[in-house]
PDB file of N, CA and C in Angstrom:
ATOM      1  N   MET A   1     137.623  63.327 123.198  1.00  0.00           N
ATOM      2  CA  MET A   1     137.406  62.291 122.215  1.00  0.00           C
ATOM      3  C   MET A   1     136.225  61.434 122.680  1.00  0.00           C
ATOM      4  N   LEU A   2     135.420  61.016 121.743  1.00  0.00           N
ATOM      5  CA  LEU A   2     134.273  60.174 122.041  1.00  0.00           C
ATOM      6  C   LEU A   2     134.694  58.709 122.062  1.00  0.00           C
ATOM      7  N   ALA A   3     133.797  57.860 122.512  1.00  0.00           N
ATOM      8  CA  ALA A   3     134.093  56.427 122.644  1.00  0.00           C
ATOM      9  C   ALA A   3     134.475  55.775 121.322  1.00  0.00           C
ATOM     10  N   ASP A   4     133.963  56.277 120.207  1.00  0.00           N
ATOM     11  CA  ASP A   4     134.258  55.646 118.911  1.00  0.00           C
ATOM     12  C   ASP A   4     135.464  56.287 118.209  1.00  0.00           C
ATOM     13  N   ASP A   5     136.326  56.976 118.960  1.00  0.00           N
ATOM     14  CA  ASP A   5     137.550  57.603 118.454  1.00  0.00           C
ATOM     15  C   ASP A   5     137.299  58.758 117.487  1.00  0.00           C
ATOM     16  N   THR A   6     136.122  59.376 117.556  1.00  0.00           N
ATOM     17  CA  THR A   6     135.871  60.575 116.774  1.00  0.00           C
ATOM     18  C   THR A   6     136.000  61.787 117.692  1.00  0.00           C
ATOM     19  N   TYR A   7     136.172  62.940 117.098  1.00  0.00           N
ATOM     20  CA  TYR A   7     136.347  64.159 117.863  1.00  0.00           C
ATOM     21  C   TYR A   7     135.156  65.085 117.674  1.00  0.00           C
ATOM     22  N   ILE A   8     134.801  65.775 118.752  1.00  0.00           N
ATOM     23  CA  ILE A   8     133.751  66.778 118.656  1.00  0.00           C
ATOM     24  C   ILE A   8     134.315  68.021 117.977  1.00  0.00           C
ATOM     25  N   LEU A   9     135.518  68.419 118.353  1.00  0.00           N
ATOM     26  CA  LEU A   9     136.180  69.574 117.764  1.00  0.00           C
ATOM     27  C   LEU A   9     137.548  69.138 117.292  1.00  0.00           C
ATOM     28  N   TRP A  10     137.823  69.398 116.038  1.00  0.00           N
ATOM     29  CA  TRP A  10     139.103  68.994 115.472  1.00  0.00           C
ATOM     30  C   TRP A  10     139.622  70.116 114.597  1.00  0.00           C
ATOM     31  N   TYR A  11     140.830  70.560 114.868  1.00  0.00           N
ATOM     32  CA  TYR A  11     141.470  71.568 114.035  1.00  0.00           C
ATOM     33  C   TYR A  11     142.391  70.848 113.078  1.00  0.00           C
ATOM     34  N   SER A  12     142.191  71.089 111.812  1.00  0.00           N
ATOM     35  CA  SER A  12     142.938  70.370 110.795  1.00  0.00           C
ATOM     36  C   SER A  12     144.316  70.974 110.554  1.00  0.00           C
ATOM     37  N   ARG A  13     144.638  72.014 111.283  1.00  0.00           N
ATOM     38  CA  ARG A  13     145.925  72.680 111.134  1.00  0.00           C
ATOM     39  C   ARG A  13     146.347  73.206 112.492  1.00  0.00           C
ATOM     40  N   ASN A  14     147.647  73.250 112.732  1.00  0.00           N
ATOM     41  CA  ASN A  14     148.143  73.822 113.983  1.00  0.00           C
ATOM     42  C   ASN A  14     147.816  75.304 114.043  1.00  0.00           C
ATOM     43  N   ASN A  15     148.082  75.902 115.178  1.00  0.00           N
ATOM     44  CA  ASN A  15     147.806  77.326 115.351  1.00  0.00           C
ATOM     45  C   ASN A  15     148.491  78.160 114.273  1.00  0.00           C
ATOM     46  N   LEU A  16     147.856  79.239 113.935  1.00  0.00           N
ATOM     47  CA  LEU A  16     148.417  80.163 112.957  1.00  0.00           C
ATOM     48  C   LEU A  16     149.499  81.004 113.620  1.00  0.00           C
ATOM     49  N   THR A  17     150.486  81.371 112.857  1.00  0.00           N
ATOM     50  CA  THR A  17     151.526  82.259 113.374  1.00  0.00           C
ATOM     51  C   THR A  17     150.994  83.687 113.383  1.00  0.00           C
ATOM     52  N   PRO A  18     151.594  84.574 114.174  1.00  0.00           N
ATOM     53  CA  PRO A  18     151.147  85.977 114.145  1.00  0.00           C
ATOM     54  C   PRO A  18     151.222  86.594 112.742  1.00  0.00           C
ATOM     55  N   ALA A  19     152.245  86.253 111.964  1.00  0.00           N
ATOM     56  CA  ALA A  19     152.348  86.785 110.594  1.00  0.00           C
ATOM     57  C   ALA A  19     151.204  86.273 109.729  1.00  0.00           C
ATOM     58  N   GLU A  20     150.803  85.021 109.912  1.00  0.00           N
ATOM     59  CA  GLU A  20     149.680  84.477 109.143  1.00  0.00           C
ATOM     60  C   GLU A  20     148.375  85.171 109.523  1.00  0.00           C
ATOM     61  N   VAL A  21     148.205  85.468 110.805  1.00  0.00           N
ATOM     62  CA  VAL A  21     147.000  86.169 111.247  1.00  0.00           C
ATOM     63  C   VAL A  21     146.934  87.555 110.604  1.00  0.00           C
ATOM     64  N   VAL A  22     148.079  88.223 110.511  1.00  0.00           N
ATOM     65  CA  VAL A  22     148.123  89.523 109.842  1.00  0.00           C
ATOM     66  C   VAL A  22     147.698  89.371 108.379  1.00  0.00           C
ATOM     67  N   ASP A  23     148.217  88.346 107.704  1.00  0.00           N
ATOM     68  CA  ASP A  23     147.847  88.095 106.308  1.00  0.00           C
ATOM     69  C   ASP A  23     146.349  87.832 106.171  1.00  0.00           C
ATOM     70  N   ILE A  24     145.815  87.004 107.052  1.00  0.00           N
ATOM     71  CA  ILE A  24     144.387  86.669 106.993  1.00  0.00           C
ATOM     72  C   ILE A  24     143.538  87.921 107.188  1.00  0.00           C
ATOM     73  N   HIS A  25     143.899  88.727 108.172  1.00  0.00           N
ATOM     74  CA  HIS A  25     143.114  89.930 108.439  1.00  0.00           C
ATOM     75  C   HIS A  25     143.223  90.930 107.294  1.00  0.00           C
ATOM     76  N   ALA A  26     144.370  90.987 106.637  1.00  0.00           N
ATOM     77  CA  ALA A  26     144.507  91.861 105.467  1.00  0.00           C
ATOM     78  C   ALA A  26     143.551  91.416 104.357  1.00  0.00           C
ATOM     79  N   LEU A  27     143.424  90.109 104.161  1.00  0.00           N
ATOM     80  CA  LEU A  27     142.481  89.591 103.159  1.00  0.00           C
ATOM     81  C   LEU A  27     141.034  89.858 103.588  1.00  0.00           C
ATOM     82  N   ILE A  28     140.730  89.572 104.836  1.00  0.00           N
ATOM     83  CA  ILE A  28     139.365  89.756 105.341  1.00  0.00           C
ATOM     84  C   ILE A  28     138.960  91.226 105.288  1.00  0.00           C
ATOM     85  N   ASP A  29     139.913  92.134 105.520  1.00  0.00           N
ATOM     86  CA  ASP A  29     139.604  93.565 105.486  1.00  0.00           C
ATOM     87  C   ASP A  29     139.134  94.035 104.117  1.00  0.00           C
ATOM     88  N   THR A  30     139.392  93.259 103.066  1.00  0.00           N
ATOM     89  CA  THR A  30     138.929  93.636 101.723  1.00  0.00           C
ATOM     90  C   THR A  30     137.500  93.160 101.455  1.00  0.00           C
ATOM     91  N   VAL A  31     136.957  92.372 102.370  1.00  0.00           N
ATOM     92  CA  VAL A  31     135.605  91.823 102.209  1.00  0.00           C
ATOM     93  C   VAL A  31     134.610  92.779 102.874  1.00  0.00           C
ATOM     94  N   PRO A  32     133.623  93.275 102.118  1.00  0.00           N
ATOM     95  CA  PRO A  32     132.621  94.161 102.722  1.00  0.00           C
ATOM     96  C   PRO A  32     131.936  93.498 103.920  1.00  0.00           C
ATOM     97  N   GLY A  33     131.600  94.302 104.901  1.00  0.00           N
ATOM     98  CA  GLY A  33     131.009  93.793 106.139  1.00  0.00           C
ATOM     99  C   GLY A  33     129.703  93.052 105.964  1.00  0.00           C
ATOM    100  N   ASP A  34     128.959  93.378 104.908  1.00  0.00           N
ATOM    101  CA  ASP A  34     127.669  92.720 104.700  1.00  0.00           C
ATOM    102  C   ASP A  34     127.747  91.553 103.720  1.00  0.00           C
ATOM    103  N   ALA A  35     128.963  91.216 103.270  1.00  0.00           N
ATOM    104  CA  ALA A  35     129.128  90.118 102.312  1.00  0.00           C
ATOM    105  C   ALA A  35     129.177  88.779 103.038  1.00  0.00           C
ATOM    106  N   SER A  36     128.666  87.756 102.389  1.00  0.00           N
ATOM    107  CA  SER A  36     128.744  86.401 102.948  1.00  0.00           C
ATOM    108  C   SER A  36     130.106  85.801 102.612  1.00  0.00           C
ATOM    109  N   ILE A  37     130.563  84.907 103.490  1.00  0.00           N
ATOM    110  CA  ILE A  37     131.891  84.327 103.298  1.00  0.00           C
ATOM    111  C   ILE A  37     131.903  82.880 103.768  1.00  0.00           C
ATOM    112  N   LEU A  38     132.588  82.066 102.994  1.00  0.00           N
ATOM    113  CA  LEU A  38     132.793  80.654 103.315  1.00  0.00           C
ATOM    114  C   LEU A  38     134.273  80.463 103.597  1.00  0.00           C
ATOM    115  N   THR A  39     134.586  79.750 104.661  1.00  0.00           N
ATOM    116  CA  THR A  39     135.982  79.496 104.988  1.00  0.00           C
ATOM    117  C   THR A  39     136.114  78.174 105.725  1.00  0.00           C
ATOM    118  N   GLN A  40     137.294  77.914 106.218  1.00  0.00           N
ATOM    119  CA  GLN A  40     137.579  76.656 106.900  1.00  0.00           C
ATOM    120  C   GLN A  40     137.441  76.814 108.406  1.00  0.00           C
ATOM    121  N   ASN A  41     137.366  75.691 109.074  1.00  0.00           N
ATOM    122  CA  ASN A  41     137.137  75.644 110.511  1.00  0.00           C
ATOM    123  C   ASN A  41     138.130  76.504 111.287  1.00  0.00           C
ATOM    124  N   HIS A  42     139.410  76.410 110.963  1.00  0.00           N
ATOM    125  CA  HIS A  42     140.419  77.144 111.737  1.00  0.00           C
ATOM    126  C   HIS A  42     140.454  78.638 111.397  1.00  0.00           C
ATOM    127  N   LEU A  43     139.843  79.046 110.283  1.00  0.00           N
ATOM    128  CA  LEU A  43     139.756  80.462 109.935  1.00  0.00           C
ATOM    129  C   LEU A  43     138.414  81.069 110.323  1.00  0.00           C
ATOM    130  N   PHE A  44     137.442  80.221 110.598  1.00  0.00           N
ATOM    131  CA  PHE A  44     136.089  80.685 110.891  1.00  0.00           C
ATOM    132  C   PHE A  44     136.021  81.688 112.048  1.00  0.00           C
ATOM    133  N   PRO A  45     136.785  81.515 113.131  1.00  0.00           N
ATOM    134  CA  PRO A  45     136.690  82.520 114.207  1.00  0.00           C
ATOM    135  C   PRO A  45     136.992  83.946 113.744  1.00  0.00           C
ATOM    136  N   HIS A  46     137.765  84.097 112.690  1.00  0.00           N
ATOM    137  CA  HIS A  46     138.119  85.423 112.190  1.00  0.00           C
ATOM    138  C   HIS A  46     136.971  86.089 111.427  1.00  0.00           C
ATOM    139  N   VAL A  47     135.967  85.316 111.018  1.00  0.00           N
ATOM    140  CA  VAL A  47     134.815  85.869 110.287  1.00  0.00           C
ATOM    141  C   VAL A  47     133.493  85.566 110.982  1.00  0.00           C
ATOM    142  N   SER A  48     133.542  84.957 112.150  1.00  0.00           N
ATOM    143  CA  SER A  48     132.322  84.464 112.799  1.00  0.00           C
ATOM    144  C   SER A  48     131.371  85.569 113.245  1.00  0.00           C
ATOM    145  N   GLY A  49     131.818  86.807 113.267  1.00  0.00           N
ATOM    146  CA  GLY A  49     130.941  87.904 113.643  1.00  0.00           C
ATOM    147  C   GLY A  49     129.971  88.298 112.533  1.00  0.00           C
ATOM    148  N   ARG A  50     130.137  87.729 111.370  1.00  0.00           N
ATOM    149  CA  ARG A  50     129.244  88.030 110.241  1.00  0.00           C
ATOM    150  C   ARG A  50     128.014  87.126 110.310  1.00  0.00           C
ATOM    151  N   ILE A  51     126.874  87.678 109.993  1.00  0.00           N
ATOM    152  CA  ILE A  51     125.657  86.881 110.041  1.00  0.00           C
ATOM    153  C   ILE A  51     125.649  85.807 108.961  1.00  0.00           C
ATOM    154  N   ASN A  52     126.331  86.047 107.836  1.00  0.00           N
ATOM    155  CA  ASN A  52     126.370  85.092 106.736  1.00  0.00           C
ATOM    156  C   ASN A  52     127.774  84.534 106.556  1.00  0.00           C
ATOM    157  N   ALA A  53     128.282  83.931 107.607  1.00  0.00           N
ATOM    158  CA  ALA A  53     129.591  83.272 107.554  1.00  0.00           C
ATOM    159  C   ALA A  53     129.355  81.770 107.643  1.00  0.00           C
ATOM    160  N   TYR A  54     130.055  81.026 106.804  1.00  0.00           N
ATOM    161  CA  TYR A  54     129.871  79.581 106.725  1.00  0.00           C
ATOM    162  C   TYR A  54     131.221  78.888 106.836  1.00  0.00           C
ATOM    163  N   ALA A  55     131.202  77.679 107.372  1.00  0.00           N
ATOM    164  CA  ALA A  55     132.429  76.892 107.520  1.00  0.00           C
ATOM    165  C   ALA A  55     132.307  75.583 106.751  1.00  0.00           C
ATOM    166  N   ILE A  56     133.390  75.247 106.083  1.00  0.00           N
ATOM    167  CA  ILE A  56     133.478  73.962 105.399  1.00  0.00           C
ATOM    168  C   ILE A  56     133.586  72.889 106.480  1.00  0.00           C
ATOM    169  N   PRO A  57     132.774  71.856 106.433  1.00  0.00           N
ATOM    170  CA  PRO A  57     132.862  70.835 107.481  1.00  0.00           C
ATOM    171  C   PRO A  57     134.210  70.116 107.445  1.00  0.00           C
ATOM    172  N   VAL A  58     134.613  69.652 108.600  1.00  0.00           N
ATOM    173  CA  VAL A  58     135.842  68.865 108.714  1.00  0.00           C
ATOM    174  C   VAL A  58     135.410  67.419 108.835  1.00  0.00           C
ATOM    175  N   THR A  59     135.617  66.661 107.770  1.00  0.00           N
ATOM    176  CA  THR A  59     135.168  65.280 107.779  1.00  0.00           C
ATOM    177  C   THR A  59     135.922  64.467 106.732  1.00  0.00           C
ATOM    178  N   THR A  60     135.984  63.212 106.964  1.00  0.00           N
ATOM    179  CA  THR A  60     136.444  62.298 105.922  1.00  0.00           C
ATOM    180  C   THR A  60     135.189  61.724 105.268  1.00  0.00           C
ATOM    181  N   PHE A  61     135.339  61.145 104.105  1.00  0.00           N
ATOM    182  CA  PHE A  61     134.166  60.620 103.428  1.00  0.00           C
ATOM    183  C   PHE A  61     134.569  59.468 102.522  1.00  0.00           C
ATOM    184  N   ALA A  62     133.617  58.585 102.292  1.00  0.00           N
ATOM    185  CA  ALA A  62     133.826  57.459 101.381  1.00  0.00           C
ATOM    186  C   ALA A  62     133.471  57.896  99.968  1.00  0.00           C
ATOM    187  N   ASP A  63     134.006  57.184  98.979  1.00  0.00           N
ATOM    188  CA  ASP A  63     133.754  57.534  97.580  1.00  0.00           C
ATOM    189  C   ASP A  63     132.267  57.629  97.257  1.00  0.00           C
ATOM    190  N   GLU A  64     131.473  56.759  97.843  1.00  0.00           N
ATOM    191  CA  GLU A  64     130.035  56.781  97.534  1.00  0.00           C
ATOM    192  C   GLU A  64     129.341  58.010  98.135  1.00  0.00           C
ATOM    193  N   GLN A  65     129.988  58.691  99.063  1.00  0.00           N
ATOM    194  CA  GLN A  65     129.417  59.901  99.657  1.00  0.00           C
ATOM    195  C   GLN A  65     129.780  61.162  98.867  1.00  0.00           C
ATOM    196  N   LEU A  66     130.690  61.045  97.922  1.00  0.00           N
ATOM    197  CA  LEU A  66     131.181  62.203  97.181  1.00  0.00           C
ATOM    198  C   LEU A  66     130.067  63.035  96.545  1.00  0.00           C
ATOM    199  N   PRO A  67     129.082  62.448  95.876  1.00  0.00           N
ATOM    200  CA  PRO A  67     128.022  63.287  95.289  1.00  0.00           C
ATOM    201  C   PRO A  67     127.283  64.129  96.343  1.00  0.00           C
ATOM    202  N   ALA A  68     126.988  63.553  97.481  1.00  0.00           N
ATOM    203  CA  ALA A  68     126.296  64.301  98.538  1.00  0.00           C
ATOM    204  C   ALA A  68     127.181  65.404  99.104  1.00  0.00           C
ATOM    205  N   ILE A  69     128.462  65.114  99.287  1.00  0.00           N
ATOM    206  CA  ILE A  69     129.406  66.117  99.793  1.00  0.00           C
ATOM    207  C   ILE A  69     129.522  67.266  98.795  1.00  0.00           C
ATOM    208  N   GLU A  70     129.646  66.946  97.502  1.00  0.00           N
ATOM    209  CA  GLU A  70     129.741  67.992  96.477  1.00  0.00           C
ATOM    210  C   GLU A  70     128.480  68.855  96.449  1.00  0.00           C
ATOM    211  N   THR A  71     127.329  68.241  96.587  1.00  0.00           N
ATOM    212  CA  THR A  71     126.070  68.981  96.610  1.00  0.00           C
ATOM    213  C   THR A  71     126.030  69.926  97.805  1.00  0.00           C
ATOM    214  N   TYR A  72     126.448  69.427  98.968  1.00  0.00           N
ATOM    215  CA  TYR A  72     126.448  70.258 100.173  1.00  0.00           C
ATOM    216  C   TYR A  72     127.412  71.434 100.018  1.00  0.00           C
ATOM    217  N   LEU A  73     128.646  71.152  99.565  1.00  0.00           N
ATOM    218  CA  LEU A  73     129.627  72.222  99.373  1.00  0.00           C
ATOM    219  C   LEU A  73     129.157  73.225  98.325  1.00  0.00           C
ATOM    220  N   SER A  74     128.554  72.741  97.246  1.00  0.00           N
ATOM    221  CA  SER A  74     128.032  73.640  96.215  1.00  0.00           C
ATOM    222  C   SER A  74     126.960  74.570  96.790  1.00  0.00           C
ATOM    223  N   GLY A  75     126.148  74.059  97.690  1.00  0.00           N
ATOM    224  CA  GLY A  75     125.142  74.890  98.355  1.00  0.00           C
ATOM    225  C   GLY A  75     125.773  75.983  99.193  1.00  0.00           C
ATOM    226  N   LEU A  76     126.847  75.642  99.921  1.00  0.00           N
ATOM    227  CA  LEU A  76     127.568  76.650 100.705  1.00  0.00           C
ATOM    228  C   LEU A  76     128.198  77.692  99.783  1.00  0.00           C
ATOM    229  N   ILE A  77     128.782  77.242  98.690  1.00  0.00           N
ATOM    230  CA  ILE A  77     129.405  78.152  97.727  1.00  0.00           C
ATOM    231  C   ILE A  77     128.354  79.079  97.120  1.00  0.00           C
ATOM    232  N   ASP A  78     127.192  78.544  96.790  1.00  0.00           N
ATOM    233  CA  ASP A  78     126.116  79.349  96.205  1.00  0.00           C
ATOM    234  C   ASP A  78     125.657  80.464  97.143  1.00  0.00           C
ATOM    235  N   ARG A  79     125.749  80.242  98.451  1.00  0.00           N
ATOM    236  CA  ARG A  79     125.331  81.242  99.432  1.00  0.00           C
ATOM    237  C   ARG A  79     126.425  82.248  99.749  1.00  0.00           C
ATOM    238  N   SER A  80     127.602  82.080  99.182  1.00  0.00           N
ATOM    239  CA  SER A  80     128.752  82.887  99.564  1.00  0.00           C
ATOM    240  C   SER A  80     129.169  83.866  98.472  1.00  0.00           C
ATOM    241  N   ASP A  81     129.457  85.088  98.910  1.00  0.00           N
ATOM    242  CA  ASP A  81     130.012  86.094  98.009  1.00  0.00           C
ATOM    243  C   ASP A  81     131.534  85.964  97.923  1.00  0.00           C
ATOM    244  N   TYR A  82     132.139  85.493  99.010  1.00  0.00           N
ATOM    245  CA  TYR A  82     133.591  85.317  99.090  1.00  0.00           C
ATOM    246  C   TYR A  82     133.904  83.932  99.647  1.00  0.00           C
ATOM    247  N   VAL A  83     135.056  83.412  99.282  1.00  0.00           N
ATOM    248  CA  VAL A  83     135.547  82.150  99.834  1.00  0.00           C
ATOM    249  C   VAL A  83     137.014  82.373 100.192  1.00  0.00           C
ATOM    250  N   LEU A  84     137.350  82.142 101.454  1.00  0.00           N
ATOM    251  CA  LEU A  84     138.717  82.288 101.937  1.00  0.00           C
ATOM    252  C   LEU A  84     139.252  80.907 102.286  1.00  0.00           C
ATOM    253  N   LEU A  85     140.330  80.492 101.608  1.00  0.00           N
ATOM    254  CA  LEU A  85     140.860  79.144 101.798  1.00  0.00           C
ATOM    255  C   LEU A  85     142.345  79.156 102.146  1.00  0.00           C
ATOM    256  N   ASP A  86     142.717  78.206 102.969  1.00  0.00           N
ATOM    257  CA  ASP A  86     144.104  77.946 103.347  1.00  0.00           C
ATOM    258  C   ASP A  86     144.498  76.643 102.665  1.00  0.00           C
ATOM    259  N   THR A  87     145.382  76.720 101.689  1.00  0.00           N
ATOM    260  CA  THR A  87     145.742  75.525 100.924  1.00  0.00           C
ATOM    261  C   THR A  87     146.605  74.557 101.711  1.00  0.00           C
ATOM    262  N   SER A  88     147.146  74.989 102.853  1.00  0.00           N
ATOM    263  CA  SER A  88     147.967  74.084 103.664  1.00  0.00           C
ATOM    264  C   SER A  88     147.143  73.338 104.703  1.00  0.00           C
ATOM    265  N   ASP A  89     145.852  73.569 104.709  1.00  0.00           N
ATOM    266  CA  ASP A  89     144.942  72.917 105.641  1.00  0.00           C
ATOM    267  C   ASP A  89     144.868  71.422 105.356  1.00  0.00           C
ATOM    268  N   GLY A  90     144.744  70.610 106.398  1.00  0.00           N
ATOM    269  CA  GLY A  90     144.694  69.162 106.224  1.00  0.00           C
ATOM    270  C   GLY A  90     143.307  68.584 106.048  1.00  0.00           C
ATOM    271  N   ASN A  91     142.293  69.417 105.966  1.00  0.00           N
ATOM    272  CA  ASN A  91     140.922  68.946 105.798  1.00  0.00           C
ATOM    273  C   ASN A  91     140.779  68.284 104.424  1.00  0.00           C
ATOM    274  N   PRO A  92     140.273  67.057 104.363  1.00  0.00           N
ATOM    275  CA  PRO A  92     140.115  66.389 103.069  1.00  0.00           C
ATOM    276  C   PRO A  92     139.134  67.094 102.135  1.00  0.00           C
ATOM    277  N   LEU A  93     138.311  67.992 102.661  1.00  0.00           N
ATOM    278  CA  LEU A  93     137.381  68.711 101.800  1.00  0.00           C
ATOM    279  C   LEU A  93     137.992  69.966 101.180  1.00  0.00           C
ATOM    280  N   THR A  94     139.183  70.360 101.625  1.00  0.00           N
ATOM    281  CA  THR A  94     139.810  71.560 101.063  1.00  0.00           C
ATOM    282  C   THR A  94     140.115  71.408  99.574  1.00  0.00           C
ATOM    283  N   PRO A  95     140.791  70.342  99.128  1.00  0.00           N
ATOM    284  CA  PRO A  95     141.035  70.215  97.684  1.00  0.00           C
ATOM    285  C   PRO A  95     139.745  70.149  96.867  1.00  0.00           C
ATOM    286  N   LEU A  96     138.728  69.503  97.407  1.00  0.00           N
ATOM    287  CA  LEU A  96     137.444  69.431  96.713  1.00  0.00           C
ATOM    288  C   LEU A  96     136.819  70.822  96.603  1.00  0.00           C
ATOM    289  N   THR A  97     136.871  71.592  97.664  1.00  0.00           N
ATOM    290  CA  THR A  97     136.323  72.953  97.646  1.00  0.00           C
ATOM    291  C   THR A  97     137.071  73.814  96.637  1.00  0.00           C
ATOM    292  N   ILE A  98     138.388  73.705  96.618  1.00  0.00           N
ATOM    293  CA  ILE A  98     139.182  74.467  95.647  1.00  0.00           C
ATOM    294  C   ILE A  98     138.773  74.088  94.225  1.00  0.00           C
ATOM    295  N   ARG A  99     138.614  72.803  93.986  1.00  0.00           N
ATOM    296  CA  ARG A  99     138.214  72.351  92.648  1.00  0.00           C
ATOM    297  C   ARG A  99     136.848  72.916  92.263  1.00  0.00           C
ATOM    298  N   LEU A 100     135.893  72.891  93.194  1.00  0.00           N
ATOM    299  CA  LEU A 100     134.555  73.414  92.914  1.00  0.00           C
ATOM    300  C   LEU A 100     134.576  74.922  92.673  1.00  0.00           C
ATOM    301  N   ILE A 101     135.345  75.643  93.473  1.00  0.00           N
ATOM    302  CA  ILE A 101     135.436  77.106  93.323  1.00  0.00           C
ATOM    303  C   ILE A 101     136.083  77.466  91.991  1.00  0.00           C
ATOM    304  N   GLU A 102     137.179  76.787  91.667  1.00  0.00           N
ATOM    305  CA  GLU A 102     137.895  77.129  90.441  1.00  0.00           C
ATOM    306  C   GLU A 102     137.129  76.708  89.187  1.00  0.00           C
ATOM    307  N   ALA A 103     136.210  75.757  89.323  1.00  0.00           N
ATOM    308  CA  ALA A 103     135.368  75.361  88.189  1.00  0.00           C
ATOM    309  C   ALA A 103     134.141  76.259  88.055  1.00  0.00           C
ATOM    310  N   ASP A 104     133.838  77.017  89.095  1.00  0.00           N
ATOM    311  CA  ASP A 104     132.673  77.899  89.109  1.00  0.00           C
ATOM    312  C   ASP A 104     133.069  79.230  88.467  1.00  0.00           C
ATOM    313  N   LEU A 105     132.581  79.493  87.280  1.00  0.00           N
ATOM    314  CA  LEU A 105     132.970  80.680  86.536  1.00  0.00           C
ATOM    315  C   LEU A 105     132.482  81.978  87.171  1.00  0.00           C
ATOM    316  N   ARG A 106     131.629  81.863  88.184  1.00  0.00           N
ATOM    317  CA  ARG A 106     131.159  83.062  88.880  1.00  0.00           C
ATOM    318  C   ARG A 106     132.216  83.617  89.826  1.00  0.00           C
ATOM    319  N   PHE A 107     133.223  82.823  90.180  1.00  0.00           N
ATOM    320  CA  PHE A 107     134.230  83.238  91.149  1.00  0.00           C
ATOM    321  C   PHE A 107     135.571  83.483  90.469  1.00  0.00           C
ATOM    322  N   ALA A 108     136.340  84.382  91.057  1.00  0.00           N
ATOM    323  CA  ALA A 108     137.697  84.644  90.592  1.00  0.00           C
ATOM    324  C   ALA A 108     138.583  84.867  91.808  1.00  0.00           C
ATOM    325  N   LYS A 109     139.836  84.472  91.693  1.00  0.00           N
ATOM    326  CA  LYS A 109     140.812  84.786  92.738  1.00  0.00           C
ATOM    327  C   LYS A 109     140.983  86.291  92.774  1.00  0.00           C
ATOM    328  N   THR A 110     140.894  86.861  93.946  1.00  0.00           N
ATOM    329  CA  THR A 110     141.061  88.306  94.045  1.00  0.00           C
ATOM    330  C   THR A 110     142.322  88.692  94.783  1.00  0.00           C
ATOM    331  N   ALA A 111     142.776  87.828  95.695  1.00  0.00           N
ATOM    332  CA  ALA A 111     143.972  88.148  96.465  1.00  0.00           C
ATOM    333  C   ALA A 111     144.508  86.874  97.091  1.00  0.00           C
ATOM    334  N   SER A 112     145.792  86.917  97.387  1.00  0.00           N
ATOM    335  CA  SER A 112     146.391  85.795  98.115  1.00  0.00           C
ATOM    336  C   SER A 112     147.543  86.316  98.952  1.00  0.00           C
ATOM    337  N   ALA A 113     147.847  85.567  99.989  1.00  0.00           N
ATOM    338  CA  ALA A 113     148.971  85.866 100.873  1.00  0.00           C
ATOM    339  C   ALA A 113     149.435  84.552 101.462  1.00  0.00           C
ATOM    340  N   GLY A 114     150.666  84.172 101.173  1.00  0.00           N
ATOM    341  CA  GLY A 114     151.162  82.887 101.665  1.00  0.00           C
ATOM    342  C   GLY A 114     150.294  81.757 101.163  1.00  0.00           C
ATOM    343  N   ASP A 115     149.806  80.939 102.073  1.00  0.00           N
ATOM    344  CA  ASP A 115     148.955  79.796 101.729  1.00  0.00           C
ATOM    345  C   ASP A 115     147.470  80.156 101.642  1.00  0.00           C
ATOM    346  N   PHE A 116     147.133  81.417 101.814  1.00  0.00           N
ATOM    347  CA  PHE A 116     145.737  81.847 101.876  1.00  0.00           C
ATOM    348  C   PHE A 116     145.313  82.495 100.560  1.00  0.00           C
ATOM    349  N   THR A 117     144.122  82.106 100.086  1.00  0.00           N
ATOM    350  CA  THR A 117     143.583  82.663  98.850  1.00  0.00           C
ATOM    351  C   THR A 117     142.159  83.122  99.088  1.00  0.00           C
ATOM    352  N   LEU A 118     141.851  84.298  98.580  1.00  0.00           N
ATOM    353  CA  LEU A 118     140.511  84.837  98.657  1.00  0.00           C
ATOM    354  C   LEU A 118     139.891  84.845  97.265  1.00  0.00           C
ATOM    355  N   TYR A 119     138.727  84.233  97.152  1.00  0.00           N
ATOM    356  CA  TYR A 119     137.957  84.202  95.911  1.00  0.00           C
ATOM    357  C   TYR A 119     136.750  85.114  96.099  1.00  0.00           C
ATOM    358  N   ARG A 120     136.321  85.730  95.001  1.00  0.00           N
ATOM    359  CA  ARG A 120     135.181  86.644  95.071  1.00  0.00           C
ATOM    360  C   ARG A 120     134.232  86.395  93.907  1.00  0.00           C
ATOM    361  N   ARG A 121     132.965  86.470  94.229  1.00  0.00           N
ATOM    362  CA  ARG A 121     131.929  86.489  93.200  1.00  0.00           C
ATOM    363  C   ARG A 121     131.539  87.950  93.033  1.00  0.00           C
ATOM    364  N   PRO A 122     131.580  88.486  91.823  1.00  0.00           N
ATOM    365  CA  PRO A 122     131.213  89.898  91.646  1.00  0.00           C
ATOM    366  C   PRO A 122     129.836  90.173  92.232  1.00  0.00           C
ATOM    367  N   LEU A 123     129.751  91.226  93.010  1.00  0.00           N
ATOM    368  CA  LEU A 123     128.499  91.566  93.692  1.00  0.00           C
ATOM    369  C   LEU A 123     127.577  92.378  92.810  1.00  0.00           C
TER     370      LEU A 123
END
């Protein structure tokens, strides 16, 4: 922890169970190896071997920052062929990301397992 009570690394969710890891890998296995993917901090290690893998930042934000945050997230979404989300994640940007993805007509839910949902943009 830093002097101002912020963290350099923060996991917004406890460790995944072995069954959840199996579910995540089953979803990831449906994503082509050359496809870009956006996911959350705690899921990022499972896709980090991809050259075009992106992570949703873990941050809180004030209402006046919302337009900038939405613009940044929209940019990440625009670069991604797939988006893998954990709805039980405590990151305040998760509900916003879900809202942006579900409003983006280019994406559709393709699979889910437990709290995990995979969205795909047709390639």
